[in-house]
């Protein structure tokens, strides 16, 4: 699955959030980072943009919340690229939103400072996906990036990479397998001493993964037995 990350930012060069997210994609093999920039005429090359998107299974609109919506450049790009009479090439593609906020998410709710839910503000994208017969992914939120510490940044990096790579409805088992594969990839690029440390971490992951799989099977069997007893 190839994924296109469509980056729309009014001041991209000054955005530490977008620099961080771009760096997070450098180790991912099937992610195409695409920063929106108009040409000399102030428009987009619709033919080239469509060609870029056609082989992508997943399309991510990535932007800061800007006056309660997306920046104008994303709206212009959408107006010039998409046509409601031409939906065949978009059917069943996945659409995701990665939205960065300058204030806490809790303010976007009834009783919060903004008094309206973020999902309500972004509902036009839900209508867009439905009209073009695309699958809408759960919203990915980057909350006050500049106030996050290193640990939070590391958590964000992992969650963001999973958002880009894993299936929409991924489960715990798939998440664990993803972690194990990332550790294996890291082991190919480090020195012997660090490799030994990662091997121990990987073995621990595998052991816990197997234990959790076994526990899941046991719980499933217990539920089946309860259902059978309930039917008797």
C-alpha atoms as a PDB file:
ATOM      1  CA  UNK A   1       0.000   0.000   0.000  1.00  0.00           C
ATOM      2  CA  UNK A   2       1.396   3.377  -1.013  1.00  0.00           C
ATOM      3  CA  UNK A   3       0.406   6.440   0.998  1.00  0.00           C
ATOM      4  CA  UNK A   4       0.489  10.100  -0.020  1.00  0.00           C
ATOM      5  CA  UNK A   5       0.908  12.695   2.738  1.00  0.00           C
ATOM      6  CA  UNK A   6      -0.504  15.961   1.384  1.00  0.00           C
ATOM      7  CA  UNK A   7       1.023  18.750   3.489  1.00  0.00           C
ATOM      8  CA  UNK A   8      -0.858  22.064   3.528  1.00  0.00           C
ATOM      9  CA  UNK A   9       0.682  24.771   5.693  1.00  0.00           C
ATOM     10  CA  UNK A  10       0.626  28.561   5.275  1.00  0.00           C
ATOM     11  CA  UNK A  11       4.150  28.917   6.731  1.00  0.00           C
ATOM     12  CA  UNK A  12       5.717  25.530   6.117  1.00  0.00           C
ATOM     13  CA  UNK A  13       9.364  26.625   6.463  1.00  0.00           C
ATOM     14  CA  UNK A  14       8.681  27.813  10.027  1.00  0.00           C
ATOM     15  CA  UNK A  15       6.815  24.741  11.224  1.00  0.00           C
ATOM     16  CA  UNK A  16       8.707  22.563  13.696  1.00  0.00           C
ATOM     17  CA  UNK A  17       5.734  20.192  13.775  1.00  0.00           C
ATOM     18  CA  UNK A  18       5.916  19.495  10.049  1.00  0.00           C
ATOM     19  CA  UNK A  19       9.717  19.116  10.125  1.00  0.00           C
ATOM     20  CA  UNK A  20       9.322  16.517  12.863  1.00  0.00           C
ATOM     21  CA  UNK A  21       6.614  14.615  10.987  1.00  0.00           C
ATOM     22  CA  UNK A  22       8.592  14.706   7.751  1.00  0.00           C
ATOM     23  CA  UNK A  23      11.607  13.238   9.534  1.00  0.00           C
ATOM     24  CA  UNK A  24       9.345  10.512  10.920  1.00  0.00           C
ATOM     25  CA  UNK A  25       8.549   9.373   7.361  1.00  0.00           C
ATOM     26  CA  UNK A  26      12.151   9.057   6.153  1.00  0.00           C
ATOM     27  CA  UNK A  27      12.469   5.463   7.395  1.00  0.00           C
ATOM     28  CA  UNK A  28       9.112   4.423   5.892  1.00  0.00           C
ATOM     29  CA  UNK A  29       9.364   2.824   2.480  1.00  0.00           C
ATOM     30  CA  UNK A  30       5.959   3.382   0.927  1.00  0.00           C
ATOM     31  CA  UNK A  31       5.189   6.931   2.039  1.00  0.00           C
ATOM     32  CA  UNK A  32       5.302   9.854  -0.416  1.00  0.00           C
ATOM     33  CA  UNK A  33       5.568  13.278   1.213  1.00  0.00           C
ATOM     34  CA  UNK A  34       3.930  15.989  -0.941  1.00  0.00           C
ATOM     35  CA  UNK A  35       4.069  19.654   0.063  1.00  0.00           C
ATOM     36  CA  UNK A  36       1.436  21.822  -1.645  1.00  0.00           C
ATOM     37  CA  UNK A  37       2.879  24.713  -3.634  1.00  0.00           C
ATOM     38  CA  UNK A  38       1.198  26.608  -6.455  1.00  0.00           C
ATOM     39  CA  UNK A  39       3.023  27.188  -9.735  1.00  0.00           C
ATOM     40  CA  UNK A  40       3.999  30.525 -11.264  1.00  0.00           C
ATOM     41  CA  UNK A  41       0.403  31.107 -12.389  1.00  0.00           C
ATOM     42  CA  UNK A  42      -0.903  30.638  -8.838  1.00  0.00           C
ATOM     43  CA  UNK A  43      -2.507  27.265  -9.557  1.00  0.00           C
ATOM     44  CA  UNK A  44      -1.799  23.521  -9.530  1.00  0.00           C
ATOM     45  CA  UNK A  45      -1.082  21.187 -12.413  1.00  0.00           C
ATOM     46  CA  UNK A  46      -4.237  19.075 -12.127  1.00  0.00           C
ATOM     47  CA  UNK A  47      -3.000  16.386 -14.514  1.00  0.00           C
ATOM     48  CA  UNK A  48       0.265  15.898 -12.609  1.00  0.00           C
ATOM     49  CA  UNK A  49      -1.470  15.945  -9.217  1.00  0.00           C
ATOM     50  CA  UNK A  50      -4.008  13.302 -10.260  1.00  0.00           C
ATOM     51  CA  UNK A  51      -1.250  11.149 -11.713  1.00  0.00           C
ATOM     52  CA  UNK A  52       0.594  11.368  -8.398  1.00  0.00           C
ATOM     53  CA  UNK A  53      -2.494  10.261  -6.453  1.00  0.00           C
ATOM     54  CA  UNK A  54      -3.815   7.480  -8.678  1.00  0.00           C
ATOM     55  CA  UNK A  55      -1.482   4.711  -7.458  1.00  0.00           C
ATOM     56  CA  UNK A  56      -1.989   5.622  -3.786  1.00  0.00           C
ATOM     57  CA  UNK A  57      -4.263   3.483  -1.645  1.00  0.00           C
ATOM     58  CA  UNK A  58      -4.237   5.988   1.240  1.00  0.00           C
ATOM     59  CA  UNK A  59      -4.271   9.799   1.054  1.00  0.00           C
ATOM     60  CA  UNK A  60      -3.525  11.879   4.155  1.00  0.00           C
ATOM     61  CA  UNK A  61      -4.475  15.560   4.361  1.00  0.00           C
ATOM     62  CA  UNK A  62      -2.035  17.034   6.877  1.00  0.00           C
ATOM     63  CA  UNK A  63      -2.470  20.590   8.121  1.00  0.00           C
ATOM     64  CA  UNK A  64      -2.721  22.877  11.158  1.00  0.00           C
ATOM     65  CA  UNK A  65      -6.199  23.917  12.213  1.00  0.00           C
ATOM     66  CA  UNK A  66      -6.340  27.400  10.741  1.00  0.00           C
ATOM     67  CA  UNK A  67      -9.307  29.629  11.629  1.00  0.00           C
ATOM     68  CA  UNK A  68     -11.355  26.523  12.478  1.00  0.00           C
ATOM     69  CA  UNK A  69     -10.646  24.832   9.167  1.00  0.00           C
ATOM     70  CA  UNK A  70      -7.830  23.793   6.843  1.00  0.00           C
ATOM     71  CA  UNK A  71      -5.490  26.400   5.292  1.00  0.00           C
ATOM     72  CA  UNK A  72      -6.747  27.965   2.068  1.00  0.00           C
ATOM     73  CA  UNK A  73      -4.111  26.219  -0.058  1.00  0.00           C
ATOM     74  CA  UNK A  74      -5.673  22.823   0.684  1.00  0.00           C
ATOM     75  CA  UNK A  75      -9.120  24.064  -0.329  1.00  0.00           C
ATOM     76  CA  UNK A  76      -7.671  25.472  -3.579  1.00  0.00           C
ATOM     77  CA  UNK A  77      -5.889  22.186  -4.316  1.00  0.00           C
ATOM     78  CA  UNK A  78      -9.090  20.209  -3.705  1.00  0.00           C
ATOM     79  CA  UNK A  79     -11.102  22.564  -5.926  1.00  0.00           C
ATOM     80  CA  UNK A  80      -8.628  22.226  -8.783  1.00  0.00           C
ATOM     81  CA  UNK A  81      -7.889  18.485  -8.526  1.00  0.00           C
ATOM     82  CA  UNK A  82     -11.159  16.759  -7.663  1.00  0.00           C
ATOM     83  CA  UNK A  83     -14.342  16.562  -9.702  1.00  0.00           C
ATOM     84  CA  UNK A  84     -17.539  15.000  -8.378  1.00  0.00           C
ATOM     85  CA  UNK A  85     -18.249  13.724 -11.890  1.00  0.00           C
ATOM     86  CA  UNK A  86     -14.982  11.784 -11.893  1.00  0.00           C
ATOM     87  CA  UNK A  87     -14.998   9.524  -8.838  1.00  0.00           C
ATOM     88  CA  UNK A  88     -14.094   6.130 -10.290  1.00  0.00           C
ATOM     89  CA  UNK A  89     -10.367   6.491  -9.573  1.00  0.00           C
ATOM     90  CA  UNK A  90     -11.046   7.503  -5.950  1.00  0.00           C
ATOM     91  CA  UNK A  91     -13.489   4.772  -4.937  1.00  0.00           C
ATOM     92  CA  UNK A  92     -12.310   2.762  -1.924  1.00  0.00           C
ATOM     93  CA  UNK A  93      -9.174   4.824  -1.412  1.00  0.00           C
ATOM     94  CA  UNK A  94      -8.621   5.739   2.228  1.00  0.00           C
ATOM     95  CA  UNK A  95      -8.692   9.364   3.370  1.00  0.00           C
ATOM     96  CA  UNK A  96      -7.017  10.420   6.612  1.00  0.00           C
ATOM     97  CA  UNK A  97      -6.672  13.763   8.383  1.00  0.00           C
ATOM     98  CA  UNK A  98      -3.590  14.598  10.454  1.00  0.00           C
ATOM     99  CA  UNK A  99      -4.409  17.869  12.189  1.00  0.00           C
ATOM    100  CA  UNK A 100      -2.137  19.885  14.468  1.00  0.00           C
ATOM    101  CA  UNK A 101      -3.640  22.070  17.201  1.00  0.00           C
ATOM    102  CA  UNK A 102      -2.185  25.115  18.901  1.00  0.00           C
ATOM    103  CA  UNK A 103      -4.308  24.686  22.004  1.00  0.00           C
ATOM    104  CA  UNK A 104      -5.521  21.691  24.040  1.00  0.00           C
ATOM    105  CA  UNK A 105      -8.002  19.345  22.399  1.00  0.00           C
ATOM    106  CA  UNK A 106     -10.275  19.659  25.465  1.00  0.00           C
ATOM    107  CA  UNK A 107     -11.147  23.216  24.380  1.00  0.00           C
ATOM    108  CA  UNK A 108     -12.916  21.822  21.304  1.00  0.00           C
ATOM    109  CA  UNK A 109     -16.096  20.573  22.965  1.00  0.00           C
ATOM    110  CA  UNK A 110     -19.304  21.840  24.469  1.00  0.00           C
ATOM    111  CA  UNK A 111     -18.302  23.854  27.512  1.00  0.00           C
ATOM    112  CA  UNK A 112     -14.740  24.290  26.263  1.00  0.00           C
ATOM    113  CA  UNK A 113     -13.227  27.583  25.173  1.00  0.00           C
ATOM    114  CA  UNK A 114     -14.196  26.986  21.527  1.00  0.00           C
ATOM    115  CA  UNK A 115     -17.577  25.460  22.359  1.00  0.00           C
ATOM    116  CA  UNK A 116     -17.669  23.078  19.397  1.00  0.00           C
ATOM    117  CA  UNK A 117     -16.247  19.618  18.776  1.00  0.00           C
ATOM    118  CA  UNK A 118     -13.283  19.246  16.442  1.00  0.00           C
ATOM    119  CA  UNK A 119     -15.156  16.536  14.535  1.00  0.00           C
ATOM    120  CA  UNK A 120     -17.909  19.073  13.810  1.00  0.00           C
ATOM    121  CA  UNK A 121     -15.427  21.626  12.485  1.00  0.00           C
ATOM    122  CA  UNK A 122     -13.931  19.004  10.184  1.00  0.00           C
ATOM    123  CA  UNK A 123     -17.231  17.463   9.058  1.00  0.00           C
ATOM    124  CA  UNK A 124     -16.874  18.858   5.481  1.00  0.00           C
ATOM    125  CA  UNK A 125     -14.075  16.318   4.975  1.00  0.00           C
ATOM    126  CA  UNK A 126     -16.447  13.545   6.034  1.00  0.00           C
ATOM    127  CA  UNK A 127     -18.932  14.723   3.408  1.00  0.00           C
ATOM    128  CA  UNK A 128     -16.101  14.942   0.861  1.00  0.00           C
ATOM    129  CA  UNK A 129     -15.037  11.344   1.535  1.00  0.00           C
ATOM    130  CA  UNK A 130     -18.608  10.069   1.375  1.00  0.00           C
ATOM    131  CA  UNK A 131     -19.331  11.869  -1.908  1.00  0.00           C
ATOM    132  CA  UNK A 132     -16.191  10.463  -3.539  1.00  0.00           C
ATOM    133  CA  UNK A 133     -16.786   6.992  -2.043  1.00  0.00           C
ATOM    134  CA  UNK A 134     -13.562   7.027  -0.027  1.00  0.00           C
ATOM    135  CA  UNK A 135     -13.040   5.334   3.356  1.00  0.00           C
ATOM    136  CA  UNK A 136     -12.528   7.915   6.095  1.00  0.00           C
ATOM    137  CA  UNK A 137      -9.882   7.045   8.681  1.00  0.00           C
ATOM    138  CA  UNK A 138     -10.064   7.982  12.383  1.00  0.00           C
ATOM    139  CA  UNK A 139      -8.789  11.506  12.985  1.00  0.00           C
ATOM    140  CA  UNK A 140      -5.111  11.823  13.942  1.00  0.00           C
ATOM    141  CA  UNK A 141      -4.447  14.807  16.210  1.00  0.00           C
ATOM    142  CA  UNK A 142      -1.115  16.460  17.023  1.00  0.00           C
ATOM    143  CA  UNK A 143      -1.845  18.420  20.177  1.00  0.00           C
ATOM    144  CA  UNK A 144       0.373  21.419  21.065  1.00  0.00           C
ATOM    145  CA  UNK A 145       3.567  19.940  19.641  1.00  0.00           C
ATOM    146  CA  UNK A 146       5.835  22.746  20.907  1.00  0.00           C
ATOM    147  CA  UNK A 147       4.851  22.008  24.518  1.00  0.00           C
ATOM    148  CA  UNK A 148       5.537  18.270  24.324  1.00  0.00           C
ATOM    149  CA  UNK A 149       8.644  16.796  25.957  1.00  0.00           C
ATOM    150  CA  UNK A 150      10.979  14.238  24.372  1.00  0.00           C
ATOM    151  CA  UNK A 151       8.979  11.279  25.664  1.00  0.00           C
ATOM    152  CA  UNK A 152       5.774  12.684  24.175  1.00  0.00           C
ATOM    153  CA  UNK A 153       7.573  13.341  20.901  1.00  0.00           C
ATOM    154  CA  UNK A 154       8.724   9.722  20.778  1.00  0.00           C
ATOM    155  CA  UNK A 155       5.187   8.513  21.442  1.00  0.00           C
ATOM    156  CA  UNK A 156       3.915  10.831  18.712  1.00  0.00           C
ATOM    157  CA  UNK A 157       6.484   9.504  16.235  1.00  0.00           C
ATOM    158  CA  UNK A 158       5.403   5.903  16.853  1.00  0.00           C
ATOM    159  CA  UNK A 159       1.674   6.652  16.679  1.00  0.00           C
ATOM    160  CA  UNK A 160       2.148   8.734  13.527  1.00  0.00           C
ATOM    161  CA  UNK A 161       4.103   6.003  11.753  1.00  0.00           C
ATOM    162  CA  UNK A 162       1.430   3.465  12.709  1.00  0.00           C
ATOM    163  CA  UNK A 163      -1.267   5.841  11.457  1.00  0.00           C
ATOM    164  CA  UNK A 164       0.471   5.948   8.089  1.00  0.00           C
ATOM    165  CA  UNK A 165       1.303   2.256   7.767  1.00  0.00           C
ATOM    166  CA  UNK A 166      -1.175   0.069   9.647  1.00  0.00           C
ATOM    167  CA  UNK A 167      -4.707  -0.838   8.492  1.00  0.00           C
ATOM    168  CA  UNK A 168      -7.530   1.488   9.529  1.00  0.00           C
ATOM    169  CA  UNK A 169      -8.933  -1.001  12.052  1.00  0.00           C
ATOM    170  CA  UNK A 170      -5.613  -2.486  13.200  1.00  0.00           C
ATOM    171  CA  UNK A 171      -5.654  -4.622  16.334  1.00  0.00           C
ATOM    172  CA  UNK A 172      -3.169  -5.161  19.148  1.00  0.00           C
ATOM    173  CA  UNK A 173      -1.644  -8.181  17.443  1.00  0.00           C
ATOM    174  CA  UNK A 174      -0.899  -6.161  14.302  1.00  0.00           C
ATOM    175  CA  UNK A 175       0.545  -3.346  16.400  1.00  0.00           C
ATOM    176  CA  UNK A 176       2.905  -5.749  18.187  1.00  0.00           C
ATOM    177  CA  UNK A 177       4.016  -7.285  14.880  1.00  0.00           C
ATOM    178  CA  UNK A 178       4.674  -3.781  13.572  1.00  0.00           C
ATOM    179  CA  UNK A 179       6.936  -3.030  16.556  1.00  0.00           C
ATOM    180  CA  UNK A 180       8.839  -6.275  16.081  1.00  0.00           C
ATOM    181  CA  UNK A 181       9.446  -5.529  12.391  1.00  0.00           C
ATOM    182  CA  UNK A 182      10.705  -2.033  13.231  1.00  0.00           C
ATOM    183  CA  UNK A 183      13.165  -3.463  15.737  1.00  0.00           C
ATOM    184  CA  UNK A 184      14.420  -5.952  13.140  1.00  0.00           C
ATOM    185  CA  UNK A 185      14.969  -3.128  10.663  1.00  0.00           C
ATOM    186  CA  UNK A 186      16.887  -1.111  13.259  1.00  0.00           C
ATOM    187  CA  UNK A 187      19.145  -4.092  13.994  1.00  0.00           C
ATOM    188  CA  UNK A 188      20.402  -4.068  10.416  1.00  0.00           C
ATOM    189  CA  UNK A 189      21.804  -0.549  10.751  1.00  0.00           C
ATOM    190  CA  UNK A 190      23.555  -0.471  14.144  1.00  0.00           C
ATOM    191  CA  UNK A 191      26.824  -1.718  15.622  1.00  0.00           C
ATOM    192  CA  UNK A 192      27.284  -5.093  17.330  1.00  0.00           C
ATOM    193  CA  UNK A 193      26.991  -3.859  20.935  1.00  0.00           C
ATOM    194  CA  UNK A 194      23.713  -2.024  20.340  1.00  0.00           C
ATOM    195  CA  UNK A 195      22.479  -4.940  18.243  1.00  0.00           C
ATOM    196  CA  UNK A 196      22.795  -7.265  21.253  1.00  0.00           C
ATOM    197  CA  UNK A 197      20.666  -4.875  23.328  1.00  0.00           C
ATOM    198  CA  UNK A 198      17.997  -4.723  20.639  1.00  0.00           C
ATOM    199  CA  UNK A 199      17.988  -8.511  20.327  1.00  0.00           C
ATOM    200  CA  UNK A 200      17.124  -8.755  24.021  1.00  0.00           C
ATOM    201  CA  UNK A 201      14.337  -6.190  23.606  1.00  0.00           C
ATOM    202  CA  UNK A 202      13.019  -8.044  20.558  1.00  0.00           C
ATOM    203  CA  UNK A 203      12.995 -11.359  22.389  1.00  0.00           C
ATOM    204  CA  UNK A 204      11.043  -9.726  25.207  1.00  0.00           C
ATOM    205  CA  UNK A 205       8.532  -8.332  22.729  1.00  0.00           C
ATOM    206  CA  UNK A 206       8.102 -11.717  21.059  1.00  0.00           C
ATOM    207  CA  UNK A 207       7.617 -13.476  24.389  1.00  0.00           C
ATOM    208  CA  UNK A 208       4.963 -10.994  25.543  1.00  0.00           C
ATOM    209  CA  UNK A 209       3.332 -11.127  22.121  1.00  0.00           C
ATOM    210  CA  UNK A 210       3.005 -14.920  22.318  1.00  0.00           C
ATOM    211  CA  UNK A 211       1.692 -14.732  25.891  1.00  0.00           C
ATOM    212  CA  UNK A 212      -0.954 -12.194  24.870  1.00  0.00           C
ATOM    213  CA  UNK A 213      -1.965 -14.285  21.858  1.00  0.00           C
ATOM    214  CA  UNK A 214      -2.424 -17.311  24.102  1.00  0.00           C
ATOM    215  CA  UNK A 215      -4.412 -15.248  26.620  1.00  0.00           C
ATOM    216  CA  UNK A 216      -6.631 -13.940  23.802  1.00  0.00           C
ATOM    217  CA  UNK A 217      -7.329 -17.495  22.636  1.00  0.00           C
ATOM    218  CA  UNK A 218      -8.204 -18.596  26.173  1.00  0.00           C
ATOM    219  CA  UNK A 219     -10.586 -15.660  26.665  1.00  0.00           C
ATOM    220  CA  UNK A 220     -12.223 -16.435  23.313  1.00  0.00           C
ATOM    221  CA  UNK A 221     -12.768 -20.081  24.326  1.00  0.00           C
ATOM    222  CA  UNK A 222     -14.233 -19.025  27.677  1.00  0.00           C
ATOM    223  CA  UNK A 223     -16.672 -16.694  25.934  1.00  0.00           C
ATOM    224  CA  UNK A 224     -17.706 -19.447  23.545  1.00  0.00           C
ATOM    225  CA  UNK A 225     -18.368 -21.768  26.493  1.00  0.00           C
ATOM    226  CA  UNK A 226     -20.423 -19.053  28.250  1.00  0.00           C
ATOM    227  CA  UNK A 227     -22.468 -18.500  25.074  1.00  0.00           C
ATOM    228  CA  UNK A 228     -23.132 -22.242  24.761  1.00  0.00           C
ATOM    229  CA  UNK A 229     -24.225 -22.502  28.381  1.00  0.00           C
ATOM    230  CA  UNK A 230     -26.490 -19.501  27.923  1.00  0.00           C
ATOM    231  CA  UNK A 231     -28.236 -21.179  25.001  1.00  0.00           C
ATOM    232  CA  UNK A 232     -28.942 -24.374  26.953  1.00  0.00           C
END
